[in-house]
């Protein structure tokens, strides 16, 4: 029987890293170094380190200490574990920018079955450009947390021991910021390490210099939530709690608040379709939204839901997750939830490493990246992809 070239498998891992910042970094470095087929390089060759880059790295070291104390020690440990110089690590070069695809939804207790609070998100990208790694991190002196990693040390999303959850999608695919500041993975990591509630997370994101185009959704166990839209150094905050008439928030790969529409120069049909799908289906399920409601949205293909299998085009569902801030746990589907199983994790998971093989069925039969006019929320010609 001939193999289907559009069906590929992918290996995901869950790591548990515990100890001082340095210990955690070193353990991560040893893990990366031991890989026979690392997903991507984590280091630069010494010959590529020009004087300007060294100056940039020193500035990063100073700023990292200011906005996320301890991360420099973790980076030193990572370098030790990899057997390289600290200056060679891509995390310094990539996380702070010099001048020069996903969906998420949160629902609050008044519209859920049983009074639950849930933050659900799908993450779409190319598997070869993602860590494909869920990490439980227990650093002495910081909040323990669990979330998907980016460049090893950064995070794409997560929940910490205080029941604070955060996730993001890119808000302007293909657009590069000219602002000076941090990328999303550093910001999310800082929030998980340092914050206990939504107010603290908002203050951190407002004060940290940013160069990312991202839509952050945060929620805590007290049913406070916020959507923070960031376009370089420009930021907008929409808050909700149990006293608000609207008990949910959604975000995809475009800005939705009026004050940020002028920055939405890369609005695509699939993003608007996913946003509309989340809005309509949550509304239809009120007042009995539950995890199954969210999983159905996460599993159904665009435009009925938010799932997609266009992996080779950089738009395949790499994982789906539902964070529960009250229970301080998460349900995760590695790969597409259309065909793969869900798993439950919490901060008590103690195994050092677990592996999960999943199927990624590529499908490029339908066109992607159809651009829309800035601010457009109307798409009438969607096809199921």
Protein backbone atom coordinates (compact mmCIF):
# COMPACT_ATOMS: atom_id res chain seq x y z
CA UNK A 1 0.00 0.00 0.00
CA UNK A 2 1.42 3.37 -1.02
CA UNK A 3 2.10 5.83 1.80
CA UNK A 4 0.13 9.08 1.80
CA UNK A 5 2.65 11.92 1.49
CA UNK A 6 0.14 14.31 3.06
CA UNK A 7 0.04 12.33 6.32
CA UNK A 8 2.92 13.04 8.67
CA UNK A 9 3.63 12.24 12.30
CA UNK A 10 5.08 14.56 14.91
CA UNK A 11 6.62 13.98 18.32
CA UNK A 12 5.53 16.17 21.20
CA UNK A 13 7.07 16.16 24.66
CA UNK A 14 6.11 17.19 28.16
CA UNK A 15 9.06 18.13 30.39
CA UNK A 16 9.14 18.84 34.11
CA UNK A 17 11.95 21.25 35.14
CA UNK A 18 12.51 22.06 38.79
CA UNK A 19 15.13 23.85 40.90
CA UNK A 20 16.88 27.21 40.86
CA UNK A 21 16.73 29.33 37.71
CA UNK A 22 20.20 28.08 36.78
CA UNK A 23 19.25 24.43 37.44
CA UNK A 24 16.13 24.69 35.28
CA UNK A 25 18.08 26.24 32.41
CA UNK A 26 20.82 23.62 32.60
CA UNK A 27 18.32 20.74 32.61
CA UNK A 28 16.63 22.22 29.55
CA UNK A 29 19.99 22.63 27.80
CA UNK A 30 20.94 19.00 28.45
CA UNK A 31 17.58 17.88 27.12
CA UNK A 32 17.98 19.91 23.91
CA UNK A 33 21.57 18.75 23.42
CA UNK A 34 20.58 15.10 23.83
CA UNK A 35 18.09 15.31 20.99
CA UNK A 36 19.25 13.46 17.88
CA UNK A 37 16.95 15.45 15.63
CA UNK A 38 16.44 18.88 17.25
CA UNK A 39 13.48 20.76 15.87
CA UNK A 40 15.57 23.85 15.20
CA UNK A 41 18.79 25.52 16.19
CA UNK A 42 18.89 27.35 19.51
CA UNK A 43 22.29 28.94 19.03
CA UNK A 44 24.30 31.22 16.78
CA UNK A 45 27.77 30.36 15.52
CA UNK A 46 30.47 32.41 17.31
CA UNK A 47 31.60 33.86 13.97
CA UNK A 48 28.20 35.55 13.53
CA UNK A 49 28.50 37.58 16.73
CA UNK A 50 29.41 41.05 15.59
CA UNK A 51 30.17 43.88 17.98
CA UNK A 52 26.71 45.38 17.48
CA UNK A 53 25.10 42.09 18.46
CA UNK A 54 27.26 41.83 21.58
CA UNK A 55 26.18 45.33 22.59
CA UNK A 56 22.57 44.36 21.91
CA UNK A 57 22.93 41.24 24.08
CA UNK A 58 24.34 43.24 26.98
CA UNK A 59 21.36 45.57 26.78
CA UNK A 60 19.08 42.52 26.77
CA UNK A 61 20.77 41.16 29.89
CA UNK A 62 20.10 44.43 31.72
CA UNK A 63 16.48 44.64 30.58
CA UNK A 64 15.78 40.96 31.27
CA UNK A 65 16.94 41.48 34.85
CA UNK A 66 14.59 44.46 35.20
CA UNK A 67 11.44 42.88 33.74
CA UNK A 68 11.89 39.17 34.55
CA UNK A 69 14.45 38.68 37.33
CA UNK A 70 16.10 35.26 37.30
CA UNK A 71 15.75 34.63 33.57
CA UNK A 72 19.42 35.54 33.02
CA UNK A 73 20.45 32.77 35.42
CA UNK A 74 18.21 30.37 33.54
CA UNK A 75 19.88 31.43 30.30
CA UNK A 76 23.31 30.82 31.85
CA UNK A 77 22.18 27.34 32.82
CA UNK A 78 20.84 26.72 29.32
CA UNK A 79 24.16 27.74 27.80
CA UNK A 80 26.00 25.45 30.22
CA UNK A 81 23.71 22.55 29.35
CA UNK A 82 24.21 23.13 25.63
CA UNK A 83 27.94 23.65 26.00
CA UNK A 84 27.96 27.08 24.33
CA UNK A 85 28.69 30.68 25.27
CA UNK A 86 25.78 32.70 26.63
CA UNK A 87 26.09 35.19 23.76
CA UNK A 88 25.39 32.43 21.24
CA UNK A 89 21.85 31.82 22.46
CA UNK A 90 19.12 32.88 20.06
CA UNK A 91 16.88 33.81 22.97
CA UNK A 92 18.80 37.04 23.56
CA UNK A 93 18.94 37.97 19.86
CA UNK A 94 15.29 37.11 19.20
CA UNK A 95 13.41 38.19 22.30
CA UNK A 96 14.23 41.89 22.32
CA UNK A 97 13.88 43.72 19.02
CA UNK A 98 16.04 46.64 18.10
CA UNK A 99 14.38 49.43 16.10
CA UNK A 100 14.33 48.55 12.75
CA UNK A 101 -1.93 32.31 13.75
CA UNK A 102 -4.04 31.35 16.24
CA UNK A 103 -7.48 31.65 17.98
CA UNK A 104 -8.51 32.07 21.60
CA UNK A 105 -11.65 32.54 23.69
CA UNK A 106 -12.43 32.96 27.38
CA UNK A 107 -15.79 32.35 29.08
CA UNK A 108 -16.83 33.47 32.56
CA UNK A 109 -19.12 31.75 35.13
CA UNK A 110 -22.45 33.42 34.32
CA UNK A 111 -22.63 31.73 30.90
CA UNK A 112 -21.06 28.37 31.71
CA UNK A 113 -22.65 25.14 32.84
CA UNK A 114 -21.62 24.74 36.48
CA UNK A 115 -19.97 28.13 36.89
CA UNK A 116 -16.66 27.25 35.30
CA UNK A 117 -14.05 29.63 33.90
CA UNK A 118 -12.20 28.51 30.77
CA UNK A 119 -9.57 29.91 28.44
CA UNK A 120 -9.46 27.89 25.21
CA UNK A 121 -7.01 28.31 22.36
CA UNK A 122 -5.80 26.68 19.14
CA UNK A 123 -2.25 27.29 17.95
CA UNK A 124 -1.59 27.08 14.20
CA UNK A 125 1.83 27.10 12.57
CA UNK A 126 4.45 24.93 10.86
CA UNK A 127 5.51 21.95 12.99
CA UNK A 128 9.17 22.28 11.94
CA UNK A 129 9.26 25.82 13.34
CA UNK A 130 7.76 25.05 16.73
CA UNK A 131 9.27 23.52 19.88
CA UNK A 132 6.31 21.09 20.15
CA UNK A 133 7.05 21.02 23.85
CA UNK A 134 4.85 21.47 26.93
CA UNK A 135 6.94 22.41 29.97
CA UNK A 136 6.08 22.34 33.66
CA UNK A 137 8.44 24.85 35.28
CA UNK A 138 9.03 25.05 39.03
CA UNK A 139 11.67 27.71 39.67
CA UNK A 140 12.52 28.57 43.27
CA UNK A 141 11.25 32.03 44.12
CA UNK A 142 8.81 32.21 41.19
CA UNK A 143 5.31 30.98 40.48
CA UNK A 144 5.24 27.44 39.12
CA UNK A 145 3.58 27.22 35.73
CA UNK A 146 2.87 24.94 32.79
CA UNK A 147 2.68 26.02 29.15
CA UNK A 148 3.97 25.51 25.62
CA UNK A 149 7.50 26.73 25.04
CA UNK A 150 8.98 29.03 22.41
CA UNK A 151 12.77 29.00 21.94
CA UNK A 152 12.88 26.82 25.04
CA UNK A 153 12.74 29.63 27.62
CA UNK A 154 9.77 31.59 26.26
CA UNK A 155 6.10 30.62 26.39
CA UNK A 156 3.24 30.68 23.89
CA UNK A 157 0.59 30.27 26.59
CA UNK A 158 0.25 28.88 30.10
CA UNK A 159 -1.28 28.75 33.57
CA UNK A 160 0.53 29.35 36.85
CA UNK A 161 -0.02 28.12 40.40
CA UNK A 162 -2.20 31.15 41.18
CA UNK A 163 -4.72 30.16 38.51
CA UNK A 164 -3.63 32.97 36.19
CA UNK A 165 -3.88 32.00 32.50
CA UNK A 166 -2.55 33.79 29.43
CA UNK A 167 -2.42 33.08 25.69
CA UNK A 168 -2.04 34.97 22.44
CA UNK A 169 -2.37 34.94 18.66
CA UNK A 170 -0.36 37.05 16.24
CA UNK A 171 -2.50 40.11 15.52
CA UNK A 172 -0.92 41.11 12.20
CA UNK A 173 0.65 38.18 10.33
CA UNK A 174 3.59 39.23 8.18
CA UNK A 175 3.90 42.71 9.72
CA UNK A 176 7.16 43.60 11.47
CA UNK A 177 7.20 46.18 14.23
CA UNK A 178 9.63 49.09 14.21
CA UNK A 179 9.20 49.54 17.95
CA UNK A 180 11.89 48.73 20.47
CA UNK A 181 10.82 46.07 22.93
CA UNK A 182 10.10 42.46 23.81
CA UNK A 183 8.41 39.74 21.80
CA UNK A 184 5.33 37.87 23.03
CA UNK A 185 7.13 34.76 24.35
CA UNK A 186 9.16 36.81 26.84
CA UNK A 187 6.07 38.77 27.93
CA UNK A 188 4.03 35.62 28.55
CA UNK A 189 6.90 34.03 30.46
CA UNK A 190 7.24 37.13 32.66
CA UNK A 191 3.49 37.16 33.40
CA UNK A 192 3.51 33.48 34.40
CA UNK A 193 6.61 33.88 36.56
CA UNK A 194 5.71 37.10 38.34
CA UNK A 195 1.96 37.78 38.36
CA UNK A 196 -0.85 36.44 40.54
CA UNK A 197 -3.92 38.03 38.92
CA UNK A 198 -5.20 39.91 35.89
CA UNK A 199 -4.53 43.38 37.31
CA UNK A 200 -0.86 42.55 37.89
CA UNK A 201 -0.58 41.06 34.39
CA UNK A 202 -2.10 44.17 32.81
CA UNK A 203 0.31 46.41 34.72
CA UNK A 204 3.28 44.32 33.58
CA UNK A 205 2.24 44.31 29.92
CA UNK A 206 1.50 48.05 30.01
CA UNK A 207 4.90 48.86 31.47
CA UNK A 208 7.17 46.48 29.58
CA UNK A 209 8.51 47.79 26.24
CA UNK A 210 6.92 45.76 23.43
CA UNK A 211 7.69 45.15 19.77
CA UNK A 212 5.14 42.41 19.14
CA UNK A 213 1.82 42.47 17.26
CA UNK A 214 -0.25 40.28 19.58
CA UNK A 215 -3.68 39.86 21.14
CA UNK A 216 -3.19 38.68 24.72
CA UNK A 217 -6.12 37.19 26.62
CA UNK A 218 -5.65 36.76 30.37
CA UNK A 219 -8.01 35.40 33.02
CA UNK A 220 -7.71 34.55 36.71
CA UNK A 221 -9.57 32.29 39.14
CA UNK A 222 -11.66 35.25 40.38
CA UNK A 223 -13.29 35.62 36.94
CA UNK A 224 -11.42 38.75 35.95
CA UNK A 225 -10.37 38.75 32.31
CA UNK A 226 -8.89 41.10 29.74
CA UNK A 227 -8.01 41.33 26.07
CA UNK A 228 -4.82 43.33 25.56
CA UNK A 229 -4.17 44.24 21.94
CA UNK A 230 -0.57 45.23 21.24
CA UNK A 231 0.77 46.81 18.04
CA UNK A 232 4.42 47.55 18.65
CA UNK A 233 4.39 50.11 21.45
CA UNK A 234 0.64 50.84 21.12
CA UNK A 235 -1.65 49.00 23.55
CA UNK A 236 -5.37 48.70 24.20
CA UNK A 237 -7.07 46.95 27.13
CA UNK A 238 -10.64 45.61 27.29
CA UNK A 239 -11.64 44.23 30.70
CA UNK A 240 -14.56 42.05 31.72
CA UNK A 241 -15.70 40.39 34.95
CA UNK A 242 -18.91 38.92 36.35
CA UNK A 243 -20.55 42.38 36.55
CA UNK A 244 -20.27 42.96 32.78
CA UNK A 245 -23.08 42.21 30.34
CA UNK A 246 -20.70 40.34 28.04
CA UNK A 247 -19.22 37.27 29.71
CA UNK A 248 -16.73 36.18 27.08
CA UNK A 249 -13.88 37.46 24.92
CA UNK A 250 -12.54 36.18 21.60
CA UNK A 251 -9.47 36.99 19.55
CA UNK A 252 -7.91 35.73 16.33
CA UNK A 253 -5.21 37.10 14.02
CA UNK A 254 -6.52 40.67 13.79
CA UNK A 255 -7.38 43.60 16.04
CA UNK A 256 -11.03 44.03 17.03
CA UNK A 257 -11.17 47.14 19.24
CA UNK A 258 -11.92 50.45 17.53
CA UNK A 259 -8.80 52.20 18.77
CA UNK A 260 -6.58 49.51 17.22
CA UNK A 261 -8.24 49.12 13.81
CA UNK A 262 -5.83 51.55 12.16
CA UNK A 263 -2.98 49.15 13.00
CA UNK A 264 -4.73 46.17 11.39
CA UNK A 265 -2.87 46.22 8.08
CA UNK A 266 -2.84 42.44 7.71
CA UNK A 267 -6.42 41.20 8.12
CA UNK A 268 -7.19 37.88 6.43
CA UNK A 269 -10.41 36.02 5.69
CA UNK A 270 -9.56 32.96 7.79
CA UNK A 271 -8.96 35.12 10.88
CA UNK A 272 -12.30 36.89 10.57
CA UNK A 273 -14.01 33.54 9.90
CA UNK A 274 -12.57 32.03 13.07
CA UNK A 275 -13.51 35.09 15.12
CA UNK A 276 -17.10 34.97 13.83
CA UNK A 277 -17.31 31.22 14.49
CA UNK A 278 -16.22 31.63 18.12
CA UNK A 279 -18.60 34.54 18.71
CA UNK A 280 -21.64 32.83 17.16
CA UNK A 281 -21.16 29.44 18.74
CA UNK A 282 -20.49 30.75 22.23
CA UNK A 283 -23.60 32.95 21.94
CA UNK A 284 -25.66 29.98 20.76
CA UNK A 285 -24.57 27.92 23.79
CA UNK A 286 -25.28 30.57 26.46
CA UNK A 287 -26.03 29.96 29.36
CA UNK A 288 -24.69 26.40 29.18
CA UNK A 289 -21.21 26.79 27.68
CA UNK A 290 -18.95 23.95 28.82
CA UNK A 291 -15.68 22.29 27.82
CA UNK A 292 -17.46 20.22 25.17
CA UNK A 293 -18.78 23.42 23.58
CA UNK A 294 -15.25 24.76 23.35
CA UNK A 295 -13.81 21.46 22.12
CA UNK A 296 -16.39 21.32 19.34
CA UNK A 297 -15.40 24.83 18.22
CA UNK A 298 -11.73 23.85 18.41
CA UNK A 299 -12.27 20.65 16.43
CA UNK A 300 -14.51 21.87 13.60
CA UNK A 301 -12.91 23.18 10.42
CA UNK A 302 -13.05 26.82 9.36
CA UNK A 303 -15.55 28.49 8.94
CA UNK A 304 -17.70 26.44 11.34
CA UNK A 305 -14.87 26.28 13.86
CA UNK A 306 -11.20 27.18 14.20
CA UNK A 307 -9.35 24.00 13.18
CA UNK A 308 -7.15 23.82 10.06
CA UNK A 309 -4.85 21.20 8.48
CA UNK A 310 -2.77 23.36 6.13
CA UNK A 311 0.53 22.50 7.83
CA UNK A 312 2.84 23.02 4.85
CA UNK A 313 1.42 26.54 4.36
CA UNK A 314 2.16 27.49 7.95
CA UNK A 315 -1.43 27.15 9.10
CA UNK A 316 -2.03 23.77 10.70
CA UNK A 317 -3.38 23.23 14.21
CA UNK A 318 -0.36 22.19 16.30
CA UNK A 319 -2.20 22.04 19.61
CA UNK A 320 -5.47 22.87 21.30
CA UNK A 321 -5.75 23.63 24.99
CA UNK A 322 -8.42 24.50 27.55
CA UNK A 323 -7.11 26.16 30.71
CA UNK A 324 -9.13 25.94 33.93
CA UNK A 325 -8.01 28.64 36.41
CA UNK A 326 -10.30 27.37 39.19
CA UNK A 327 -8.97 23.82 39.05
CA UNK A 328 -5.47 25.06 38.06
CA UNK A 329 -5.25 22.47 35.29
CA UNK A 330 -5.44 22.13 31.54
CA UNK A 331 -6.70 19.77 28.87
CA UNK A 332 -4.41 19.47 25.86
CA UNK A 333 -4.72 17.92 22.44
CA UNK A 334 -1.32 17.59 20.74
CA UNK A 335 -1.87 18.09 17.01
CA UNK A 336 -5.30 18.54 15.48
CA UNK A 337 -8.22 17.84 17.85
CA UNK A 338 -10.10 16.56 14.81
CA UNK A 339 -8.22 13.26 15.02
CA UNK A 340 -6.01 13.24 18.14
CA UNK A 341 -6.76 12.57 21.81
CA UNK A 342 -7.06 15.00 24.73
CA UNK A 343 -4.85 14.74 27.83
CA UNK A 344 -5.15 16.38 31.26
CA UNK A 345 -2.20 18.09 32.98
CA UNK A 346 -1.66 19.98 36.21
CA UNK A 347 1.30 21.24 38.19
CA UNK A 348 1.46 17.97 40.12
CA UNK A 349 2.56 15.96 37.06
CA UNK A 350 5.95 14.70 38.19
CA UNK A 351 7.36 12.58 35.35
CA UNK A 352 10.55 14.11 33.95
CA UNK A 353 9.57 13.49 30.32
CA UNK A 354 6.63 12.01 28.48
CA UNK A 355 6.30 11.64 24.72
CA UNK A 356 3.27 11.84 22.45
CA UNK A 357 3.24 10.80 18.79
CA UNK A 358 0.43 12.42 16.81
CA UNK A 359 -0.82 12.57 13.24
CA UNK A 360 -0.75 15.82 11.24
CA UNK A 361 -2.84 15.29 8.08
CA UNK A 362 -1.81 18.02 5.65
CA UNK A 363 -4.48 19.43 3.34
CA UNK A 364 -3.69 22.24 0.90
CA UNK A 365 -6.74 21.92 -1.33
CA UNK A 366 -8.19 25.30 -0.37
CA UNK A 367 -6.54 28.74 -0.69
CA UNK A 368 -5.35 30.59 2.39
CA UNK A 369 -4.28 34.10 3.27
CA UNK A 370 -6.98 35.95 1.36
CA UNK A 371 -6.44 39.54 2.43
CA UNK A 372 -9.34 41.77 3.46
CA UNK A 373 -9.67 45.55 3.69
CA UNK A 374 -8.45 47.01 6.97
CA UNK A 375 -11.22 46.80 9.59
CA UNK A 376 -13.40 44.43 7.56
CA UNK A 377 -15.50 42.00 9.60
CA UNK A 378 -17.56 40.69 6.68
CA UNK A 379 -16.68 37.60 4.64
CA UNK A 380 -19.39 35.93 2.59
CA UNK A 381 -17.34 33.59 0.41
CA UNK A 382 -15.87 31.20 2.97
CA UNK A 383 -15.33 27.57 2.08
CA UNK A 384 -14.69 24.81 4.59
CA UNK A 385 -10.96 24.12 4.50
